[in-house]
Amino acid sequence: MELLHPGGDPDAPARTSSPDIPFIDAMREDDWEAVRAIYLDGIATGNATFETAAPSWERWDSGHLHTCRLVAREGARVLGWGALSRVSMREVYAGVAEVSIYVGRESRGRGIGRELLGALVRGSEGEGMWMLQAGIFPENVTSLELHKHAGFREVGRRERIGLLHGVWRDVILLERRSRAVGV
């Protein structure tokens, strides 16, 4: 997968005139500690995931596609990350993936999630994927708006689909169909 630069244009220089736009780069295994810390920030909100602890690198690595693993960097610092996971092991669903986007607590509100999600969409299409989906807690309004801005549409509400800390939670299911792959 090619490196993705600010604004998503692979021909753009790695630095732009705006210091608020990070460099989008391929995630490396040595990014794991920073990625894990950002994941823990998301877990701490109570509105990002059903997970209550960050997995080991090995478990996380085996659960995510090896392509389309991205981080937002500012110098050597990782500000956020995005990755895709398969929704099914059945071959017919090989072009469908679930999106994960996390931005560190100190970096939120800078458009980093938008940059990461845009890069994931472009990267997934480059890998031949025709649909991305996301399951988001209804209370996570920022994430819902982010995904809708990126072309995701609400498919439905999965009521009381899982327990988090003893409380049944709903999830809004969103999907984005490629306009370039599978049309």
Protein backbone atom coordinates (compact mmCIF):
# COMPACT_ATOMS: atom_id res chain seq x y z
CA MET A 1 0.00 0.00 0.00
CA GLU A 2 1.36 3.41 -0.91
CA LEU A 3 1.91 6.12 1.67
CA LEU A 4 -0.97 8.53 1.91
CA HIS A 5 -0.15 12.17 2.39
CA PRO A 6 -2.14 15.00 3.98
CA GLY A 7 -5.41 15.58 2.21
CA GLY A 8 -5.25 12.06 0.78
CA ASP A 9 -3.36 13.10 -2.36
CA PRO A 10 -0.45 10.69 -2.89
CA ASP A 11 1.27 13.31 -5.08
CA ALA A 12 1.10 15.99 -2.37
CA PRO A 13 4.22 16.73 -0.37
CA ALA A 14 4.46 15.09 3.04
CA ARG A 15 4.29 18.51 4.70
CA THR A 16 1.65 21.13 4.03
CA SER A 17 1.24 24.74 5.10
CA SER A 18 -1.26 23.65 7.74
CA PRO A 19 0.32 22.21 10.90
CA ASP A 20 -3.04 20.67 11.85
CA ILE A 21 -3.00 18.09 9.06
CA PRO A 22 -0.91 15.06 10.00
CA PHE A 23 1.01 12.74 7.74
CA ILE A 24 -0.98 9.56 7.06
CA ASP A 25 1.36 6.58 6.96
CA ALA A 26 1.29 2.80 6.98
CA MET A 27 1.13 1.35 10.50
CA ARG A 28 4.22 -0.58 11.56
CA GLU A 29 4.53 -3.19 14.29
CA ASP A 30 6.72 -0.80 16.27
CA ASP A 31 3.77 1.65 16.35
CA TRP A 32 1.85 -0.83 18.52
CA GLU A 33 2.50 0.78 21.92
CA ALA A 34 1.23 4.15 20.68
CA VAL A 35 -1.69 2.52 18.85
CA ARG A 36 -2.54 0.53 21.99
CA ALA A 37 -2.48 3.69 24.14
CA ILE A 38 -4.87 5.43 21.73
CA TYR A 39 -7.11 2.36 21.75
CA LEU A 40 -7.16 2.52 25.56
CA ASP A 41 -8.19 6.21 25.30
CA GLY A 42 -11.16 5.08 23.20
CA ILE A 43 -12.05 2.28 25.60
CA ALA A 44 -11.99 4.77 28.50
CA THR A 45 -14.72 6.87 26.87
CA GLY A 46 -17.20 3.99 27.22
CA ASN A 47 -18.63 4.87 23.80
CA ALA A 48 -16.04 3.58 21.33
CA THR A 49 -16.11 -0.22 21.62
CA PHE A 50 -17.49 -3.17 23.53
CA GLU A 51 -13.90 -4.11 24.40
CA THR A 52 -12.83 -3.36 27.96
CA ALA A 53 -9.10 -4.00 27.51
CA ALA A 54 -6.63 -3.62 24.68
CA PRO A 55 -5.47 -6.93 23.19
CA SER A 56 -1.90 -8.08 22.72
CA TRP A 57 -0.21 -7.17 19.43
CA GLU A 58 -0.54 -10.77 18.27
CA ARG A 59 -4.30 -10.85 18.87
CA TRP A 60 -4.86 -7.42 17.31
CA ASP A 61 -2.66 -8.33 14.33
CA SER A 62 -4.55 -11.56 13.65
CA GLY A 63 -7.91 -9.78 13.82
CA HIS A 64 -7.17 -7.06 11.26
CA LEU A 65 -6.39 -7.11 7.57
CA HIS A 66 -2.71 -6.70 6.78
CA THR A 67 -3.46 -3.95 4.27
CA CYS A 68 -5.10 -0.63 5.09
CA ARG A 69 -3.52 -0.24 8.52
CA LEU A 70 -2.82 3.44 8.93
CA VAL A 71 -1.55 5.91 11.50
CA ALA A 72 -1.62 9.69 11.60
CA ARG A 73 1.86 10.96 12.46
CA GLU A 74 3.11 14.31 13.61
CA GLY A 75 6.84 13.88 13.49
CA ALA A 76 7.51 10.63 15.36
CA ARG A 77 4.30 10.88 17.40
CA VAL A 78 1.25 8.74 16.49
CA LEU A 79 -1.95 10.79 16.89
CA GLY A 80 -4.52 8.27 15.68
CA TRP A 81 -4.97 5.06 13.77
CA GLY A 82 -7.35 3.27 11.47
CA ALA A 83 -7.60 -0.33 10.32
CA LEU A 84 -9.94 -2.78 8.64
CA SER A 85 -11.10 -6.23 9.69
CA ARG A 86 -12.98 -8.90 7.78
CA VAL A 87 -16.68 -9.22 8.48
CA SER A 88 -16.74 -12.88 7.44
CA MET A 89 -14.33 -15.63 6.44
CA ARG A 90 -16.64 -16.58 3.55
CA GLU A 91 -15.05 -15.77 0.20
CA VAL A 92 -18.18 -14.02 -1.09
CA TYR A 93 -17.59 -11.28 1.55
CA ALA A 94 -13.89 -10.77 0.74
CA GLY A 95 -14.63 -7.24 -0.46
CA VAL A 96 -16.43 -6.19 2.71
CA ALA A 97 -14.58 -4.90 5.77
CA GLU A 98 -15.33 -3.26 9.10
CA VAL A 99 -13.69 0.08 9.88
CA SER A 100 -11.95 1.01 13.13
CA ILE A 101 -10.85 4.63 13.67
CA TYR A 102 -9.34 5.92 16.91
CA VAL A 103 -7.83 9.33 17.69
CA GLY A 104 -5.84 10.04 20.84
CA ARG A 105 -7.50 12.15 23.51
CA GLU A 106 -5.12 15.11 23.05
CA SER A 107 -5.50 15.09 19.26
CA ARG A 108 -9.29 15.07 18.91
CA GLY A 109 -11.04 17.90 17.08
CA ARG A 110 -8.22 18.46 14.56
CA GLY A 111 -9.70 16.56 11.60
CA ILE A 112 -7.41 13.56 12.11
CA GLY A 113 -10.30 11.08 12.10
CA ARG A 114 -11.53 12.56 8.81
CA GLU A 115 -8.08 12.19 7.23
CA LEU A 116 -7.68 8.62 8.48
CA LEU A 117 -11.15 7.55 7.34
CA GLY A 118 -10.66 9.13 3.92
CA ALA A 119 -7.35 7.33 3.53
CA LEU A 120 -8.95 4.03 4.60
CA VAL A 121 -11.71 4.46 2.03
CA ARG A 122 -9.20 5.12 -0.76
CA GLY A 123 -6.90 2.33 0.41
CA SER A 124 -9.75 -0.17 0.63
CA GLU A 125 -10.84 0.59 -2.92
CA GLY A 126 -7.25 0.13 -4.05
CA GLU A 127 -7.44 -3.34 -2.48
CA GLY A 128 -10.66 -4.16 -4.38
CA MET A 129 -13.12 -3.74 -1.51
CA TRP A 130 -16.62 -2.71 -2.46
CA MET A 131 -18.16 -2.07 0.94
CA LEU A 132 -17.06 -0.78 4.32
CA GLN A 133 -19.21 -0.99 7.39
CA ALA A 134 -19.08 0.45 10.89
CA GLY A 135 -20.98 -0.30 14.08
CA ILE A 136 -21.14 2.79 16.28
CA PHE A 137 -22.80 3.42 19.63
CA PRO A 138 -25.61 6.01 19.15
CA GLU A 139 -24.05 8.10 21.93
CA ASN A 140 -20.88 8.54 19.84
CA VAL A 141 -22.31 11.41 17.82
CA THR A 142 -18.91 12.63 16.62
CA SER A 143 -18.07 9.24 15.08
CA LEU A 144 -21.51 8.95 13.47
CA GLU A 145 -21.10 12.40 11.88
CA LEU A 146 -17.55 11.58 10.76
CA HIS A 147 -18.68 8.43 8.96
CA LYS A 148 -21.70 10.09 7.37
CA HIS A 149 -19.45 12.89 6.09
CA ALA A 150 -17.29 10.19 4.45
CA GLY A 151 -20.27 8.77 2.53
CA PHE A 152 -21.50 6.14 5.00
CA ARG A 153 -25.24 5.77 5.36
CA GLU A 154 -27.21 4.46 8.29
CA VAL A 155 -28.55 0.99 7.56
CA GLY A 156 -30.26 0.40 10.88
CA ARG A 157 -30.08 0.12 14.61
CA ARG A 158 -29.05 -3.16 16.24
CA GLU A 159 -30.91 -2.96 19.54
CA ARG A 160 -29.42 -4.40 22.71
CA ILE A 161 -26.79 -6.26 20.70
CA GLY A 162 -24.22 -6.51 23.47
CA LEU A 163 -23.45 -5.91 27.12
CA LEU A 164 -20.90 -3.35 28.24
CA HIS A 165 -20.26 -3.18 31.97
CA GLY A 166 -23.60 -4.90 32.60
CA VAL A 167 -25.62 -2.51 30.42
CA TRP A 168 -27.24 -3.54 27.12
CA ARG A 169 -26.08 -1.24 24.32
CA ASP A 170 -27.43 -0.48 20.88
CA VAL A 171 -25.23 -0.04 17.82
CA ILE A 172 -25.96 1.99 14.71
CA LEU A 173 -24.91 0.04 11.62
CA LEU A 174 -23.52 2.16 8.79
CA GLU A 175 -22.16 1.17 5.40
CA ARG A 176 -20.35 2.85 2.54
CA ARG A 177 -20.51 1.28 -0.90
CA SER A 178 -17.68 2.07 -3.26
CA ARG A 179 -18.45 4.12 -6.33
CA ALA A 180 -15.38 2.62 -8.02
CA VAL A 181 -15.27 -1.09 -7.04
CA GLY A 182 -18.06 -3.57 -7.60
CA VAL A 183 -20.26 -1.20 -9.58
